[in-house]
Amino acid sequence: STQSTWVFVTIGGSTDKCAAHCICEEYSLVQNRWMLLPSLNEARSSASPILLGSQFLYVAGGYCAKSIEVLDCQEREKWVRVDVKSEEAVPSGNLMAFAVSDKEIMFVNHDHVKKTKVLNIEENVIKAASFYGELNQGSYRVICTVKGRVYFIENSGSLCTYDMKKKVFCEVLSGI
């Protein structure tokens, strides 16, 4: 049997005095130790990392940060700022990141789901998620993306989904 090579990665964070920092580390289960990765260009805490494929680690958001950075996990030399070519603001704050496809990353703001953004990594363009106008008033939590669908739970307990390809929003289960 082959040994697992899963790692845990910490990106940014804050000191005991609540100051954001640039330190990145990974934990290797195989080697049973923490190792430093290259430092971020911009300090951030509560950032949201997402691995696309097995090569590129993206990070966005966090408090104090207004950029998206990417690390080539094979070369591991340095974080590079993504040159975003859009007028839509780079996501910031307390985010969750999901791979919508192999070319798109969704960044969901925990505090305001209607501020959800999608980054197309081929074009380096950020757009507001197309479903936000279809959400009813109320509070939602994005819980995951699976096969091009975004799943939400709203305060009433309803489970809703949005199909990113068909651009259809619907309720899956009511009052769970």
N, C-alpha and C. Protein backbone atom coordinates (compact mmCIF):
# COMPACT_ATOMS: atom_id res chain seq x y z
N SER A 1 0.84 -1.19 0.00
CA SER A 1 0.00 0.00 0.00
C SER A 1 0.88 1.25 0.00
N THR A 2 0.38 2.31 -0.63
CA THR A 2 1.16 3.55 -0.68
C THR A 2 0.75 4.45 0.48
N GLN A 3 1.71 5.21 0.96
CA GLN A 3 1.44 6.14 2.05
C GLN A 3 0.70 7.36 1.52
N SER A 4 -0.18 7.90 2.34
CA SER A 4 -0.89 9.11 1.99
C SER A 4 0.07 10.29 1.96
N THR A 5 -0.13 11.19 1.00
CA THR A 5 0.72 12.38 0.92
C THR A 5 -0.10 13.64 1.21
N TRP A 6 -1.26 13.49 1.82
CA TRP A 6 -2.09 14.65 2.14
C TRP A 6 -1.31 15.61 3.03
N VAL A 7 -1.53 16.89 2.80
CA VAL A 7 -0.92 17.92 3.65
C VAL A 7 -2.00 18.90 4.08
N PHE A 8 -1.75 19.56 5.17
CA PHE A 8 -2.59 20.65 5.63
C PHE A 8 -1.80 21.92 5.44
N VAL A 9 -2.47 22.96 4.97
CA VAL A 9 -1.78 24.21 4.69
C VAL A 9 -2.41 25.32 5.53
N THR A 10 -1.58 26.13 6.18
CA THR A 10 -2.07 27.34 6.85
C THR A 10 -1.54 28.53 6.07
N ILE A 11 -2.43 29.50 5.85
CA ILE A 11 -2.09 30.65 5.04
C ILE A 11 -2.38 31.91 5.82
N GLY A 12 -1.37 32.73 6.00
CA GLY A 12 -1.57 33.97 6.73
C GLY A 12 -1.99 33.68 8.16
N GLY A 13 -2.86 34.49 8.68
CA GLY A 13 -3.33 34.34 10.05
C GLY A 13 -3.06 35.61 10.81
N SER A 14 -3.13 35.52 12.12
CA SER A 14 -2.86 36.70 12.92
C SER A 14 -2.05 36.32 14.14
N THR A 15 -1.33 37.29 14.63
CA THR A 15 -0.51 37.09 15.82
C THR A 15 -1.39 37.19 17.05
N ASP A 16 -0.80 36.96 18.20
CA ASP A 16 -1.57 37.08 19.44
C ASP A 16 -2.02 38.51 19.70
N LYS A 17 -1.49 39.47 18.95
CA LYS A 17 -1.93 40.86 19.07
C LYS A 17 -2.86 41.24 17.92
N CYS A 18 -3.42 40.24 17.23
CA CYS A 18 -4.40 40.41 16.15
C CYS A 18 -3.86 41.12 14.92
N ALA A 19 -2.55 41.06 14.68
CA ALA A 19 -1.96 41.63 13.47
C ALA A 19 -1.85 40.54 12.41
N ALA A 20 -2.34 40.83 11.19
CA ALA A 20 -2.27 39.85 10.09
C ALA A 20 -0.81 39.61 9.72
N HIS A 21 -0.52 38.41 9.20
CA HIS A 21 0.85 38.14 8.76
C HIS A 21 0.87 37.37 7.45
N CYS A 22 2.08 37.15 6.92
CA CYS A 22 2.29 36.57 5.59
C CYS A 22 2.79 35.13 5.63
N ILE A 23 2.92 34.55 6.79
CA ILE A 23 3.53 33.22 6.93
C ILE A 23 2.61 32.14 6.38
N CYS A 24 3.18 31.20 5.62
CA CYS A 24 2.46 30.05 5.11
C CYS A 24 3.23 28.79 5.48
N GLU A 25 2.51 27.78 5.93
CA GLU A 25 3.12 26.51 6.31
C GLU A 25 2.29 25.36 5.78
N GLU A 26 2.94 24.22 5.63
CA GLU A 26 2.23 23.00 5.28
C GLU A 26 2.64 21.90 6.26
N TYR A 27 1.69 21.01 6.53
CA TYR A 27 1.99 19.87 7.39
C TYR A 27 1.94 18.62 6.55
N SER A 28 2.99 17.85 6.56
CA SER A 28 3.05 16.61 5.80
C SER A 28 2.77 15.44 6.72
N LEU A 29 1.75 14.67 6.40
CA LEU A 29 1.45 13.47 7.18
C LEU A 29 2.53 12.41 7.00
N VAL A 30 3.13 12.36 5.83
CA VAL A 30 4.18 11.38 5.55
C VAL A 30 5.42 11.67 6.39
N GLN A 31 5.82 12.94 6.43
CA GLN A 31 7.03 13.32 7.17
C GLN A 31 6.74 13.70 8.62
N ASN A 32 5.47 13.85 8.96
CA ASN A 32 5.03 14.18 10.32
C ASN A 32 5.69 15.46 10.83
N ARG A 33 5.64 16.51 9.99
CA ARG A 33 6.24 17.78 10.43
C ARG A 33 5.66 18.94 9.62
N TRP A 34 5.76 20.14 10.22
CA TRP A 34 5.39 21.38 9.56
C TRP A 34 6.60 21.92 8.80
N MET A 35 6.34 22.49 7.61
CA MET A 35 7.40 23.08 6.80
C MET A 35 6.93 24.43 6.28
N LEU A 36 7.85 25.39 6.21
CA LEU A 36 7.50 26.71 5.69
C LEU A 36 7.32 26.67 4.18
N LEU A 37 6.33 27.41 3.72
CA LEU A 37 6.15 27.69 2.29
C LEU A 37 6.60 29.13 2.08
N PRO A 38 6.73 29.57 0.83
CA PRO A 38 7.07 30.98 0.61
C PRO A 38 6.03 31.90 1.28
N SER A 39 6.47 33.04 1.75
CA SER A 39 5.57 34.01 2.39
C SER A 39 4.69 34.68 1.36
N LEU A 40 3.49 35.06 1.78
CA LEU A 40 2.58 35.82 0.93
C LEU A 40 3.15 37.20 0.64
N ASN A 41 2.69 37.83 -0.42
CA ASN A 41 3.08 39.21 -0.73
C ASN A 41 2.33 40.20 0.16
N GLU A 42 1.13 39.82 0.57
CA GLU A 42 0.27 40.71 1.35
C GLU A 42 -0.21 39.98 2.60
N ALA A 43 -0.05 40.61 3.76
CA ALA A 43 -0.51 40.00 5.01
C ALA A 43 -2.02 39.85 4.99
N ARG A 44 -2.51 38.75 5.56
CA ARG A 44 -3.95 38.53 5.62
C ARG A 44 -4.28 37.56 6.75
N SER A 45 -5.46 37.71 7.30
CA SER A 45 -5.98 36.74 8.27
C SER A 45 -7.38 36.35 7.80
N SER A 46 -7.83 35.16 8.14
CA SER A 46 -9.12 34.61 7.67
C SER A 46 -9.17 34.53 6.16
N ALA A 47 -8.05 34.23 5.53
CA ALA A 47 -7.99 34.09 4.08
C ALA A 47 -8.60 32.76 3.65
N SER A 48 -8.89 32.66 2.38
CA SER A 48 -9.50 31.46 1.85
C SER A 48 -8.63 30.85 0.75
N PRO A 49 -8.00 29.70 1.03
CA PRO A 49 -7.20 29.03 0.00
C PRO A 49 -8.02 28.01 -0.77
N ILE A 50 -7.63 27.77 -2.01
CA ILE A 50 -8.28 26.72 -2.81
C ILE A 50 -7.23 26.15 -3.77
N LEU A 51 -7.14 24.84 -3.80
CA LEU A 51 -6.21 24.15 -4.70
C LEU A 51 -6.95 23.78 -5.97
N LEU A 52 -6.45 24.24 -7.12
CA LEU A 52 -7.03 23.86 -8.41
C LEU A 52 -6.15 22.80 -9.02
N GLY A 53 -6.74 21.67 -9.36
CA GLY A 53 -5.95 20.55 -9.84
C GLY A 53 -5.03 20.14 -8.70
N SER A 54 -3.82 19.83 -9.02
CA SER A 54 -2.85 19.52 -7.97
C SER A 54 -1.65 20.45 -8.05
N GLN A 55 -1.78 21.52 -8.85
CA GLN A 55 -0.62 22.37 -9.08
C GLN A 55 -0.74 23.78 -8.52
N PHE A 56 -1.88 24.41 -8.59
CA PHE A 56 -1.97 25.82 -8.25
C PHE A 56 -2.82 26.06 -7.01
N LEU A 57 -2.22 26.72 -6.01
CA LEU A 57 -2.90 27.07 -4.78
C LEU A 57 -3.20 28.57 -4.83
N TYR A 58 -4.49 28.92 -4.83
CA TYR A 58 -4.92 30.31 -4.85
C TYR A 58 -5.32 30.72 -3.45
N VAL A 59 -5.16 32.00 -3.14
CA VAL A 59 -5.64 32.54 -1.87
C VAL A 59 -6.22 33.93 -2.13
N ALA A 60 -7.35 34.18 -1.50
CA ALA A 60 -8.00 35.49 -1.61
C ALA A 60 -8.61 35.83 -0.27
N GLY A 61 -9.02 37.06 -0.18
CA GLY A 61 -9.74 37.49 1.01
C GLY A 61 -8.87 37.62 2.22
N GLY A 62 -9.56 37.54 3.33
CA GLY A 62 -8.91 37.81 4.58
C GLY A 62 -9.06 39.28 4.90
N TYR A 63 -8.89 39.58 6.14
CA TYR A 63 -8.97 40.97 6.55
C TYR A 63 -7.63 41.63 6.24
N CYS A 64 -7.64 42.83 5.83
CA CYS A 64 -6.45 43.63 5.50
C CYS A 64 -5.92 43.34 4.10
N ALA A 65 -6.49 42.45 3.34
CA ALA A 65 -5.93 42.09 2.03
C ALA A 65 -6.89 42.46 0.91
N LYS A 66 -6.36 42.94 -0.18
CA LYS A 66 -7.16 43.34 -1.34
C LYS A 66 -6.61 42.72 -2.62
N SER A 67 -6.07 41.49 -2.53
CA SER A 67 -5.47 40.87 -3.70
C SER A 67 -5.78 39.38 -3.72
N ILE A 68 -5.50 38.77 -4.87
CA ILE A 68 -5.54 37.32 -5.03
C ILE A 68 -4.12 36.92 -5.38
N GLU A 69 -3.63 35.86 -4.73
CA GLU A 69 -2.28 35.37 -5.00
C GLU A 69 -2.35 33.89 -5.37
N VAL A 70 -1.32 33.44 -6.10
CA VAL A 70 -1.27 32.03 -6.51
C VAL A 70 0.15 31.51 -6.31
N LEU A 71 0.23 30.26 -5.86
CA LEU A 71 1.51 29.57 -5.67
C LEU A 71 1.52 28.33 -6.55
N ASP A 72 2.55 28.18 -7.37
CA ASP A 72 2.74 26.96 -8.14
C ASP A 72 3.29 25.91 -7.18
N CYS A 73 2.50 24.91 -6.87
CA CYS A 73 2.86 23.91 -5.85
C CYS A 73 3.98 22.97 -6.29
N GLN A 74 4.26 22.92 -7.58
CA GLN A 74 5.37 22.10 -8.03
C GLN A 74 6.69 22.84 -7.88
N GLU A 75 6.70 24.12 -8.23
CA GLU A 75 7.93 24.91 -8.12
C GLU A 75 8.14 25.47 -6.72
N ARG A 76 7.07 25.89 -6.05
CA ARG A 76 7.10 26.40 -4.68
C ARG A 76 8.11 27.52 -4.46
N GLU A 77 8.28 28.37 -5.46
CA GLU A 77 9.27 29.44 -5.34
C GLU A 77 8.72 30.70 -4.68
N LYS A 78 7.55 31.18 -5.15
CA LYS A 78 7.00 32.41 -4.60
C LYS A 78 5.52 32.52 -4.96
N TRP A 79 4.83 33.31 -4.13
CA TRP A 79 3.44 33.66 -4.42
C TRP A 79 3.45 34.78 -5.46
N VAL A 80 2.54 34.71 -6.42
CA VAL A 80 2.43 35.72 -7.47
C VAL A 80 1.05 36.35 -7.38
N ARG A 81 1.01 37.67 -7.42
CA ARG A 81 -0.29 38.36 -7.43
C ARG A 81 -0.97 38.13 -8.77
N VAL A 82 -2.26 37.83 -8.72
CA VAL A 82 -3.05 37.66 -9.93
C VAL A 82 -3.43 39.06 -10.41
N ASP A 83 -3.11 39.35 -11.67
CA ASP A 83 -3.43 40.65 -12.26
C ASP A 83 -4.89 40.61 -12.71
N VAL A 84 -5.77 41.01 -11.81
CA VAL A 84 -7.21 40.94 -12.09
C VAL A 84 -7.59 42.05 -13.06
N LYS A 85 -8.24 41.64 -14.15
CA LYS A 85 -8.61 42.57 -15.22
C LYS A 85 -10.12 42.78 -15.22
N SER A 86 -10.64 43.36 -14.17
CA SER A 86 -12.07 43.64 -14.13
C SER A 86 -12.33 44.77 -13.17
N GLU A 87 -13.52 45.33 -13.29
CA GLU A 87 -13.87 46.42 -12.40
C GLU A 87 -14.54 45.91 -11.14
N GLU A 88 -14.89 44.66 -11.10
CA GLU A 88 -15.48 44.05 -9.90
C GLU A 88 -14.40 43.99 -8.83
N ALA A 89 -14.74 44.35 -7.63
CA ALA A 89 -13.76 44.39 -6.55
C ALA A 89 -13.23 42.99 -6.23
N VAL A 90 -11.95 42.93 -5.91
CA VAL A 90 -11.34 41.67 -5.46
C VAL A 90 -12.01 41.31 -4.14
N PRO A 91 -12.42 40.04 -3.97
CA PRO A 91 -13.10 39.67 -2.74
C PRO A 91 -12.21 39.84 -1.51
N SER A 92 -12.82 40.29 -0.42
CA SER A 92 -12.07 40.46 0.82
C SER A 92 -12.98 40.08 1.98
N GLY A 93 -12.43 40.07 3.16
CA GLY A 93 -13.20 39.71 4.34
C GLY A 93 -13.12 38.22 4.62
N ASN A 94 -14.07 37.72 5.37
CA ASN A 94 -14.12 36.33 5.80
C ASN A 94 -14.75 35.48 4.69
N LEU A 95 -13.93 34.79 3.91
CA LEU A 95 -14.40 34.08 2.72
C LEU A 95 -14.26 32.56 2.83
N MET A 96 -15.05 31.88 1.98
CA MET A 96 -14.85 30.47 1.68
C MET A 96 -14.60 30.41 0.18
N ALA A 97 -13.72 29.51 -0.25
CA ALA A 97 -13.44 29.36 -1.68
C ALA A 97 -13.83 27.96 -2.14
N PHE A 98 -14.39 27.88 -3.33
CA PHE A 98 -14.78 26.61 -3.93
C PHE A 98 -14.33 26.58 -5.38
N ALA A 99 -13.87 25.44 -5.84
CA ALA A 99 -13.59 25.26 -7.26
C ALA A 99 -14.91 24.93 -7.94
N VAL A 100 -15.38 25.84 -8.78
CA VAL A 100 -16.62 25.62 -9.51
C VAL A 100 -16.34 24.74 -10.72
N SER A 101 -15.18 24.93 -11.32
CA SER A 101 -14.72 24.12 -12.44
C SER A 101 -13.20 24.18 -12.40
N ASP A 102 -12.55 23.61 -13.42
CA ASP A 102 -11.09 23.70 -13.44
C ASP A 102 -10.60 25.07 -13.89
N LYS A 103 -11.55 25.98 -14.21
CA LYS A 103 -11.19 27.32 -14.65
C LYS A 103 -11.80 28.43 -13.81
N GLU A 104 -12.65 28.06 -12.84
CA GLU A 104 -13.34 29.08 -12.06
C GLU A 104 -13.30 28.78 -10.57
N ILE A 105 -13.08 29.85 -9.80
CA ILE A 105 -13.09 29.77 -8.35
C ILE A 105 -14.18 30.69 -7.84
N MET A 106 -15.02 30.17 -6.94
CA MET A 106 -16.06 30.98 -6.32
C MET A 106 -15.60 31.39 -4.93
N PHE A 107 -15.72 32.68 -4.63
CA PHE A 107 -15.39 33.20 -3.31
C PHE A 107 -16.68 33.70 -2.67
N VAL A 108 -17.07 33.08 -1.58
CA VAL A 108 -18.31 33.42 -0.89
C VAL A 108 -17.97 34.18 0.39
N ASN A 109 -18.56 35.35 0.53
CA ASN A 109 -18.37 36.16 1.73
C ASN A 109 -19.31 35.61 2.82
N HIS A 110 -18.73 35.13 3.94
CA HIS A 110 -19.54 34.59 5.04
C HIS A 110 -20.56 35.58 5.54
N ASP A 111 -20.21 36.86 5.53
CA ASP A 111 -21.07 37.87 6.11
C ASP A 111 -22.16 38.35 5.16
N HIS A 112 -22.00 38.12 3.87
CA HIS A 112 -22.98 38.61 2.91
C HIS A 112 -22.91 37.78 1.63
N VAL A 113 -23.75 36.73 1.54
CA VAL A 113 -23.68 35.80 0.41
C VAL A 113 -23.93 36.49 -0.93
N LYS A 114 -24.65 37.62 -0.92
CA LYS A 114 -24.90 38.31 -2.18
C LYS A 114 -23.66 39.02 -2.72
N LYS A 115 -22.57 39.00 -1.96
CA LYS A 115 -21.30 39.55 -2.45
C LYS A 115 -20.41 38.44 -3.01
N THR A 116 -20.98 37.31 -3.35
CA THR A 116 -20.23 36.18 -3.90
C THR A 116 -19.64 36.56 -5.26
N LYS A 117 -18.36 36.22 -5.45
CA LYS A 117 -17.65 36.54 -6.69
C LYS A 117 -17.11 35.26 -7.32
N VAL A 118 -16.94 35.28 -8.63
CA VAL A 118 -16.35 34.16 -9.36
C VAL A 118 -15.16 34.68 -10.16
N LEU A 119 -14.01 34.02 -9.98
CA LEU A 119 -12.79 34.37 -10.71
C LEU A 119 -12.57 33.36 -11.82
N ASN A 120 -12.47 33.83 -13.06
CA ASN A 120 -12.08 32.99 -14.19
C ASN A 120 -10.56 33.08 -14.27
N ILE A 121 -9.87 31.97 -14.01
CA ILE A 121 -8.40 32.02 -13.91
C ILE A 121 -7.71 32.11 -15.27
N GLU A 122 -8.40 31.78 -16.35
CA GLU A 122 -7.78 31.93 -17.68
C GLU A 122 -7.77 33.39 -18.12
N GLU A 123 -8.85 34.10 -17.79
CA GLU A 123 -8.98 35.50 -18.21
C GLU A 123 -8.61 36.47 -17.10
N ASN A 124 -8.45 35.97 -15.86
CA ASN A 124 -8.19 36.81 -14.67
C ASN A 124 -9.27 37.87 -14.50
N VAL A 125 -10.51 37.46 -14.72
CA VAL A 125 -11.65 38.36 -14.59
C VAL A 125 -12.52 37.90 -13.43
N ILE A 126 -12.93 38.86 -12.60
CA ILE A 126 -13.85 38.59 -11.49
C ILE A 126 -15.22 39.12 -11.87
N LYS A 127 -16.22 38.31 -11.62
CA LYS A 127 -17.61 38.72 -11.85
C LYS A 127 -18.42 38.43 -10.61
N ALA A 128 -19.48 39.20 -10.43
CA ALA A 128 -20.43 38.87 -9.37
C ALA A 128 -21.09 37.56 -9.77
N ALA A 129 -21.34 36.69 -8.81
CA ALA A 129 -22.01 35.43 -9.12
C ALA A 129 -23.39 35.74 -9.67
N SER A 130 -23.76 35.06 -10.74
CA SER A 130 -25.00 35.39 -11.45
C SER A 130 -26.26 35.06 -10.65
N PHE A 131 -26.16 34.22 -9.64
CA PHE A 131 -27.36 33.82 -8.91
C PHE A 131 -27.78 34.82 -7.83
N TYR A 132 -26.93 35.78 -7.50
CA TYR A 132 -27.23 36.61 -6.33
C TYR A 132 -28.53 37.39 -6.47
N GLY A 133 -28.90 37.80 -7.68
CA GLY A 133 -30.14 38.54 -7.88
C GLY A 133 -31.37 37.68 -7.70
N GLU A 134 -31.22 36.36 -7.77
CA GLU A 134 -32.35 35.46 -7.65
C GLU A 134 -32.62 35.01 -6.22
N LEU A 135 -31.71 35.31 -5.30
CA LEU A 135 -31.90 34.91 -3.92
C LEU A 135 -32.98 35.76 -3.27
N ASN A 136 -33.85 35.13 -2.50
CA ASN A 136 -34.85 35.86 -1.74
C ASN A 136 -34.17 36.62 -0.62
N GLN A 137 -34.90 37.56 -0.04
CA GLN A 137 -34.36 38.25 1.13
C GLN A 137 -34.15 37.22 2.23
N GLY A 138 -33.16 37.38 3.01
CA GLY A 138 -32.89 36.45 4.10
C GLY A 138 -31.42 36.14 4.16
N SER A 139 -31.08 35.28 5.07
CA SER A 139 -29.68 34.93 5.28
C SER A 139 -29.41 33.53 4.76
N TYR A 140 -28.32 33.38 4.02
CA TYR A 140 -27.94 32.11 3.42
C TYR A 140 -26.53 31.75 3.82
N ARG A 141 -26.24 30.48 3.82
CA ARG A 141 -24.87 29.99 3.98
C ARG A 141 -24.60 29.04 2.82
N VAL A 142 -23.53 29.32 2.09
CA VAL A 142 -23.11 28.38 1.06
C VAL A 142 -22.39 27.26 1.79
N ILE A 143 -22.79 26.02 1.50
CA ILE A 143 -22.16 24.91 2.20
C ILE A 143 -21.19 24.14 1.34
N CYS A 144 -21.41 24.09 0.03
CA CYS A 144 -20.44 23.39 -0.83
C CYS A 144 -20.79 23.60 -2.30
N THR A 145 -19.87 23.22 -3.15
CA THR A 145 -20.15 23.12 -4.58
C THR A 145 -19.83 21.70 -5.00
N VAL A 146 -20.71 21.13 -5.79
CA VAL A 146 -20.53 19.77 -6.28
C VAL A 146 -20.98 19.73 -7.74
N LYS A 147 -20.09 19.31 -8.62
CA LYS A 147 -20.41 19.13 -10.04
C LYS A 147 -21.16 20.33 -10.63
N GLY A 148 -20.62 21.52 -10.42
CA GLY A 148 -21.20 22.71 -11.03
C GLY A 148 -22.44 23.24 -10.34
N ARG A 149 -22.78 22.72 -9.18
CA ARG A 149 -23.92 23.22 -8.41
C ARG A 149 -23.44 23.82 -7.09
N VAL A 150 -24.05 24.92 -6.72
CA VAL A 150 -23.76 25.57 -5.44
C VAL A 150 -24.93 25.27 -4.51
N TYR A 151 -24.64 24.74 -3.33
CA TYR A 151 -25.69 24.40 -2.36
C TYR A 151 -25.71 25.41 -1.22
N PHE A 152 -26.92 25.89 -0.89
CA PHE A 152 -27.13 26.89 0.15
C PHE A 152 -28.10 26.33 1.20
N ILE A 153 -27.96 26.81 2.41
CA ILE A 153 -29.00 26.60 3.42
C ILE A 153 -29.44 27.99 3.85
N GLU A 154 -30.76 28.22 3.85
CA GLU A 154 -31.25 29.52 4.30
C GLU A 154 -31.76 29.40 5.73
N ASN A 155 -32.01 30.55 6.36
CA ASN A 155 -32.41 30.56 7.77
C ASN A 155 -33.64 29.71 8.04
N SER A 156 -34.55 29.61 7.09
CA SER A 156 -35.78 28.82 7.29
C SER A 156 -35.48 27.33 7.30
N GLY A 157 -34.25 26.95 6.95
CA GLY A 157 -33.88 25.54 6.93
C GLY A 157 -34.00 24.91 5.56
N SER A 158 -34.38 25.68 4.55
CA SER A 158 -34.49 25.12 3.20
C SER A 158 -33.11 24.93 2.59
N LEU A 159 -32.93 23.82 1.90
CA LEU A 159 -31.72 23.56 1.14
C LEU A 159 -31.99 23.95 -0.30
N CYS A 160 -31.18 24.86 -0.83
CA CYS A 160 -31.36 25.35 -2.19
C CYS A 160 -30.10 25.05 -2.99
N THR A 161 -30.26 25.01 -4.31
CA THR A 161 -29.11 24.79 -5.17
C THR A 161 -29.20 25.73 -6.37
N TYR A 162 -28.02 26.07 -6.89
CA TYR A 162 -27.94 26.86 -8.11
C TYR A 162 -27.04 26.12 -9.08
N ASP A 163 -27.56 25.81 -10.28
CA ASP A 163 -26.80 25.13 -11.31
C ASP A 163 -26.05 26.19 -12.12
N MET A 164 -24.72 26.20 -12.01
CA MET A 164 -23.90 27.23 -12.65
C MET A 164 -23.96 27.17 -14.18
N LYS A 165 -24.14 25.99 -14.75
CA LYS A 165 -24.18 25.87 -16.21
C LYS A 165 -25.55 26.23 -16.77
N LYS A 166 -26.62 25.71 -16.15
CA LYS A 166 -27.98 25.97 -16.63
C LYS A 166 -28.51 27.31 -16.14
N LYS A 167 -27.83 27.90 -15.15
CA LYS A 167 -28.25 29.17 -14.55
C LYS A 167 -29.66 29.06 -13.97
N VAL A 168 -29.88 27.97 -13.22
CA VAL A 168 -31.18 27.70 -12.62
C VAL A 168 -31.01 27.62 -11.10
N PHE A 169 -31.90 28.31 -10.38
CA PHE A 169 -31.89 28.31 -8.92
C PHE A 169 -33.15 27.61 -8.44
N CYS A 170 -33.03 26.66 -7.54
CA CYS A 170 -34.24 25.98 -7.07
C CYS A 170 -34.08 25.50 -5.63
N GLU A 171 -35.24 25.22 -5.00
CA GLU A 171 -35.27 24.69 -3.64
C GLU A 171 -35.21 23.17 -3.75
N VAL A 172 -34.34 22.53 -3.00
CA VAL A 172 -34.19 21.08 -3.05
C VAL A 172 -35.03 20.43 -1.95
N LEU A 173 -34.86 20.91 -0.73
CA LEU A 173 -35.62 20.40 0.42
C LEU A 173 -36.12 21.58 1.22
N SER A 174 -37.35 21.50 1.69
CA SER A 174 -37.93 22.58 2.46
C SER A 174 -37.92 22.24 3.94
N GLY A 175 -37.54 23.22 4.76
CA GLY A 175 -37.62 23.10 6.21
C GLY A 175 -36.90 21.93 6.82
N ILE A 176 -35.65 21.70 6.41
CA ILE A 176 -34.91 20.56 6.97
C ILE A 176 -34.38 20.87 8.34
